[in-house]
Amino acid sequence: MSVSTSEKLKVEIRGHTALVTIDNPGANTWDVESLPALKALVEKLNDDKNVYALVLTGAGEKFFSAGADLKLFADGDPGTARTMAVYFGEAFETLADFRGVSIAAINGFAMGGGLEVAMACDIRIAEEQAQMALPEAKVGLLPCAGGTQRLAWLVGEGWAKRMILCGERINAATAERIGLVEEVVPSGAALERALALAEQVCEQSPTSVTFCKQLVHSGRNTVIAAGLEGERDLFVELFSTDDQREGVNAFLEKRKPVWKNS
């Protein structure tokens, strides 16, 4: 039986490392199939004592992941919003709690939920052409999968506000400078570097690594937990507004939104 329950997540076991590739053409978006599949996959890997590290990357040369498919939100249905918020939360929080070390090999655009899944990983390696953003407010939404919580923790409140509230997109060099990624490598080299780092992980005692990771996360998890729940609640609340429907449909129709602030 395949480790993955979805063709949109390709899995290859290399020694003690699980290589997971997001493969949902054309922008490696997340949906109602791939999000539960990611949660189930990480749970299976947690149960496999031979897996010490996880490397996550995107298929193709352009996108790591562009986040959620906005077509899901075009009709403004709060039920769909709640379902997707829960799926995103469960998948990315399960990844964040992975027993071993998770490394994101960011090989292209990481937008919205694509950046949030990278932030749920322990370490991020970005290729020099990669660009990152949390552009949800531009389409009447908000980051509902840890973006407001993990970004501020990683880069500080000021840069988090620039990216979330001002919609600022940053390149790989800026991401490294502010602490969003740990290393920048040439185009095409992120996966190789991430796998090499995973090999370093595999030289450590897996039990020690698990305990150390729990301790590193102990302080922030207490603080972040309430914020993650708040993200999901306020994400759904946006679906009672005119601006949510205007923002998403303006994006899909390739026009500028006309905000009503209501």
Protein backbone atom coordinates (compact mmCIF):
# COMPACT_ATOMS: atom_id res chain seq x y z
CA MET A 1 0.00 0.00 0.00
CA SER A 2 1.23 3.48 -0.88
CA VAL A 3 2.28 5.72 1.97
CA SER A 4 0.23 8.55 0.42
CA THR A 5 -3.54 8.42 -0.03
CA SER A 6 -3.44 11.02 -2.81
CA GLU A 7 -1.65 11.25 -6.17
CA LYS A 8 -1.20 14.94 -5.38
CA LEU A 9 1.42 13.99 -2.79
CA LYS A 10 4.21 11.83 -4.13
CA VAL A 11 6.33 10.03 -1.53
CA GLU A 12 9.74 8.43 -1.87
CA ILE A 13 11.61 6.87 1.04
CA ARG A 14 15.37 7.42 0.76
CA GLY A 15 17.11 5.68 3.61
CA HIS A 16 15.79 7.34 6.75
CA THR A 17 14.33 10.33 4.86
CA ALA A 18 10.82 10.67 3.39
CA LEU A 19 10.79 12.90 0.30
CA VAL A 20 7.31 14.37 -0.19
CA THR A 21 6.51 16.23 -3.42
CA ILE A 22 3.43 18.43 -3.79
CA ASP A 23 2.20 17.54 -7.28
CA ASN A 24 -1.04 19.30 -8.16
CA PRO A 25 -0.62 21.03 -11.55
CA GLY A 26 -0.34 23.77 -12.39
CA ALA A 27 0.47 25.66 -9.13
CA ASN A 28 0.63 22.82 -6.54
CA THR A 29 -2.42 24.17 -4.72
CA TRP A 30 -3.97 22.57 -1.64
CA ASP A 31 -7.53 21.20 -1.70
CA VAL A 32 -10.00 18.88 0.03
CA GLU A 33 -8.05 15.85 -1.20
CA SER A 34 -4.44 16.81 -0.56
CA LEU A 35 -4.84 18.40 2.89
CA PRO A 36 -6.33 15.33 4.63
CA ALA A 37 -3.78 13.25 2.70
CA LEU A 38 -0.93 15.30 4.16
CA LYS A 39 -2.27 14.78 7.69
CA ALA A 40 -2.62 11.02 7.13
CA LEU A 41 0.82 10.83 5.54
CA VAL A 42 2.63 12.52 8.43
CA GLU A 43 0.79 10.27 10.89
CA LYS A 44 2.01 7.21 8.97
CA LEU A 45 5.56 8.55 8.92
CA ASN A 46 5.37 9.17 12.66
CA ASP A 47 4.58 5.48 13.10
CA ASP A 48 7.51 4.38 10.93
CA LYS A 49 10.50 4.24 13.26
CA ASN A 50 12.87 4.04 10.28
CA VAL A 51 11.94 7.57 9.13
CA TYR A 52 13.95 10.30 10.87
CA ALA A 53 13.46 13.25 8.50
CA LEU A 54 10.94 14.61 6.01
CA VAL A 55 11.77 16.81 3.01
CA LEU A 56 8.89 18.69 1.35
CA THR A 57 9.16 20.24 -2.12
CA GLY A 58 7.02 21.18 -5.11
CA ALA A 59 6.78 19.47 -8.50
CA GLY A 60 8.00 21.47 -11.48
CA GLU A 61 10.28 24.48 -11.65
CA LYS A 62 7.93 27.41 -10.97
CA PHE A 63 5.89 26.67 -7.85
CA PHE A 64 6.63 25.25 -4.45
CA SER A 65 2.95 25.85 -3.71
CA ALA A 66 0.51 28.66 -4.46
CA GLY A 67 -1.70 27.81 -1.48
CA ALA A 68 -5.44 27.23 -1.65
CA ASP A 69 -7.42 27.05 -4.87
CA LEU A 70 -9.45 30.28 -4.62
CA LYS A 71 -12.21 28.87 -6.80
CA LEU A 72 -13.34 27.05 -3.66
CA PHE A 73 -14.24 30.39 -2.06
CA ALA A 74 -15.90 32.18 -4.99
CA ASP A 75 -19.47 31.58 -3.77
CA GLY A 76 -18.75 32.86 -0.26
CA ASP A 77 -20.07 29.72 1.44
CA PRO A 78 -19.16 29.78 5.18
CA GLY A 79 -19.50 26.00 5.33
CA THR A 80 -16.78 25.55 2.72
CA ALA A 81 -14.66 28.11 4.55
CA ARG A 82 -14.97 26.22 7.84
CA THR A 83 -14.17 22.89 6.19
CA MET A 84 -11.09 24.25 4.47
CA ALA A 85 -9.90 26.05 7.61
CA VAL A 86 -10.14 22.81 9.59
CA TYR A 87 -8.37 20.83 6.85
CA PHE A 88 -5.56 23.38 6.65
CA GLY A 89 -5.20 23.54 10.41
CA GLU A 90 -5.16 19.80 10.98
CA ALA A 91 -2.73 19.12 8.11
CA PHE A 92 -0.18 21.81 8.89
CA GLU A 93 -0.31 21.37 12.66
CA THR A 94 0.27 17.63 12.21
CA LEU A 95 3.27 18.49 10.03
CA ALA A 96 4.58 20.95 12.62
CA ASP A 97 4.36 18.20 15.23
CA PHE A 98 6.14 15.60 13.08
CA ARG A 99 8.31 13.42 15.33
CA GLY A 100 11.44 13.98 13.26
CA VAL A 101 12.88 16.98 11.42
CA SER A 102 10.97 18.49 8.50
CA ILE A 103 12.74 20.55 5.84
CA ALA A 104 11.03 22.62 3.14
CA ALA A 105 12.90 22.80 -0.17
CA ILE A 106 11.30 25.94 -1.61
CA ASN A 107 11.88 25.63 -5.35
CA GLY A 108 9.66 28.48 -6.55
CA PHE A 109 6.71 30.62 -5.54
CA ALA A 110 5.47 29.95 -1.99
CA MET A 111 2.23 31.92 -1.63
CA GLY A 112 -0.47 31.87 1.02
CA GLY A 113 -0.96 28.30 2.19
CA GLY A 114 2.21 27.41 0.27
CA LEU A 115 4.26 29.62 2.56
CA GLU A 116 2.28 28.45 5.59
CA VAL A 117 3.16 24.80 4.96
CA ALA A 118 6.82 25.79 4.62
CA MET A 119 6.61 27.65 7.94
CA ALA A 120 5.14 24.52 9.54
CA CYS A 121 8.41 22.78 8.70
CA ASP A 122 11.41 23.01 11.02
CA ILE A 123 13.87 24.35 8.42
CA ARG A 124 13.45 26.17 5.11
CA ILE A 125 15.90 26.10 2.17
CA ALA A 126 14.98 28.48 -0.68
CA GLU A 127 16.26 28.74 -4.21
CA GLU A 128 17.47 32.18 -5.25
CA GLN A 129 14.54 32.79 -7.62
CA ALA A 130 11.89 31.89 -5.02
CA GLN A 131 9.37 34.48 -3.91
CA MET A 132 7.20 34.36 -0.80
CA ALA A 133 4.04 36.14 0.32
CA LEU A 134 0.87 35.92 2.38
CA PRO A 135 -1.44 37.81 -0.01
CA GLU A 136 -4.77 36.74 1.48
CA ALA A 137 -5.90 40.25 2.48
CA LYS A 138 -5.62 41.31 -1.17
CA VAL A 139 -8.50 38.95 -1.95
CA GLY A 140 -10.60 39.58 1.16
CA LEU A 141 -9.28 36.62 3.15
CA LEU A 142 -6.71 36.02 5.89
CA PRO A 143 -4.01 33.38 6.49
CA CYS A 144 -5.87 30.60 8.30
CA ALA A 145 -3.18 27.90 8.48
CA GLY A 146 -0.73 29.41 10.93
CA GLY A 147 0.43 32.38 8.88
CA THR A 148 -0.34 35.15 11.36
CA GLN A 149 1.16 33.13 14.21
CA ARG A 150 4.25 31.44 12.76
CA LEU A 151 5.38 34.33 10.57
CA ALA A 152 5.48 36.77 13.49
CA TRP A 153 7.33 34.19 15.57
CA LEU A 154 9.95 33.65 12.86
CA VAL A 155 10.58 37.18 11.58
CA GLY A 156 9.16 39.50 14.24
CA GLU A 157 6.00 41.56 14.32
CA GLY A 158 7.19 44.33 12.01
CA TRP A 159 8.03 42.15 9.02
CA ALA A 160 4.97 39.98 9.65
CA LYS A 161 2.81 43.10 9.42
CA ARG A 162 4.57 44.26 6.24
CA MET A 163 3.90 40.92 4.57
CA ILE A 164 0.36 40.34 5.86
CA LEU A 165 -1.09 43.84 6.26
CA CYS A 166 0.75 45.53 3.37
CA GLY A 167 0.75 42.51 1.07
CA GLU A 168 4.50 42.69 0.55
CA ARG A 169 6.06 39.92 -1.51
CA ILE A 170 9.68 39.15 -0.69
CA ASN A 171 12.49 37.44 -2.55
CA ALA A 172 14.73 34.69 -1.22
CA ALA A 173 17.54 37.04 -0.22
CA THR A 174 15.19 39.13 1.92
CA ALA A 175 13.65 35.99 3.38
CA GLU A 176 17.09 34.83 4.52
CA ARG A 177 17.97 38.26 5.91
CA ILE A 178 14.86 38.45 8.09
CA GLY A 179 15.01 34.83 9.23
CA LEU A 180 12.13 33.36 7.24
CA VAL A 181 14.47 30.88 5.55
CA GLU A 182 17.71 29.47 6.88
CA GLU A 183 19.62 29.24 3.59
CA VAL A 184 19.43 30.38 -0.03
CA VAL A 185 20.88 28.19 -2.78
CA PRO A 186 21.15 28.48 -6.58
CA SER A 187 18.19 27.67 -8.78
CA GLY A 188 17.57 23.93 -8.89
CA ALA A 189 19.66 23.17 -5.80
CA ALA A 190 17.12 23.33 -2.94
CA LEU A 191 16.17 19.67 -2.98
CA GLU A 192 19.77 18.47 -3.02
CA ARG A 193 20.66 20.76 -0.13
CA ALA A 194 17.58 19.76 1.86
CA LEU A 195 18.34 16.07 1.38
CA ALA A 196 21.94 16.64 2.48
CA LEU A 197 20.67 18.38 5.61
CA ALA A 198 18.29 15.48 6.21
CA GLU A 199 21.31 13.16 6.09
CA GLN A 200 22.86 15.22 8.89
CA VAL A 201 19.67 14.73 10.88
CA CYS A 202 19.88 10.99 10.33
CA GLU A 203 23.28 10.95 12.03
CA GLN A 204 21.66 12.10 15.28
CA SER A 205 19.82 9.92 17.76
CA PRO A 206 16.18 10.06 16.57
CA THR A 207 14.95 9.84 20.14
CA SER A 208 17.14 12.75 21.20
CA VAL A 209 16.00 14.79 18.20
CA THR A 210 12.35 14.18 19.08
CA PHE A 211 12.85 15.31 22.67
CA CYS A 212 14.92 18.34 21.67
CA LYS A 213 12.29 19.42 19.15
CA GLN A 214 9.56 19.11 21.77
CA LEU A 215 11.55 21.36 24.10
CA VAL A 216 12.29 23.96 21.41
CA HIS A 217 8.59 24.10 20.56
CA SER A 218 7.31 24.00 24.14
CA GLY A 219 7.28 27.74 24.77
CA ARG A 220 5.89 28.88 21.43
CA ASN A 221 3.22 26.17 21.20
CA THR A 222 1.60 27.43 24.38
CA VAL A 223 1.36 30.91 22.89
CA ILE A 224 0.43 29.91 19.34
CA ALA A 225 -2.34 27.44 20.13
CA ALA A 226 -5.01 30.05 20.88
CA GLY A 227 -3.95 32.12 17.88
CA LEU A 228 -4.34 29.18 15.51
CA GLU A 229 -7.91 28.65 16.67
CA GLY A 230 -8.58 32.37 16.30
CA GLU A 231 -7.29 32.32 12.71
CA ARG A 232 -9.83 29.69 11.72
CA ASP A 233 -12.72 31.45 13.46
CA LEU A 234 -12.02 34.85 11.92
CA PHE A 235 -11.39 33.29 8.51
CA VAL A 236 -14.92 31.91 8.55
CA GLU A 237 -16.31 35.21 9.87
CA LEU A 238 -14.96 36.95 6.76
CA PHE A 239 -17.46 34.94 4.73
CA SER A 240 -20.27 37.08 6.14
CA THR A 241 -18.75 40.15 4.46
CA ASP A 242 -19.18 41.69 1.01
CA ASP A 243 -15.43 42.23 0.74
CA GLN A 244 -14.69 38.50 0.88
CA ARG A 245 -16.83 37.75 -2.16
CA GLU A 246 -15.58 40.86 -3.99
CA GLY A 247 -11.94 40.08 -3.31
CA VAL A 248 -11.99 36.45 -4.41
CA ASN A 249 -14.10 37.08 -7.51
CA ALA A 250 -12.04 40.10 -8.53
CA PHE A 251 -8.94 37.89 -8.42
CA LEU A 252 -10.59 35.16 -10.48
CA GLU A 253 -11.88 37.75 -12.97
CA LYS A 254 -8.43 39.41 -13.14
CA ARG A 255 -9.62 42.87 -12.10
CA LYS A 256 -9.02 45.20 -9.18
CA PRO A 257 -11.41 44.73 -6.24
CA VAL A 258 -13.75 47.52 -5.19
CA TRP A 259 -13.76 47.36 -1.40
CA LYS A 260 -16.88 48.28 0.55
CA ASN A 261 -15.39 47.82 4.03
CA SER A 262 -18.45 45.76 4.91
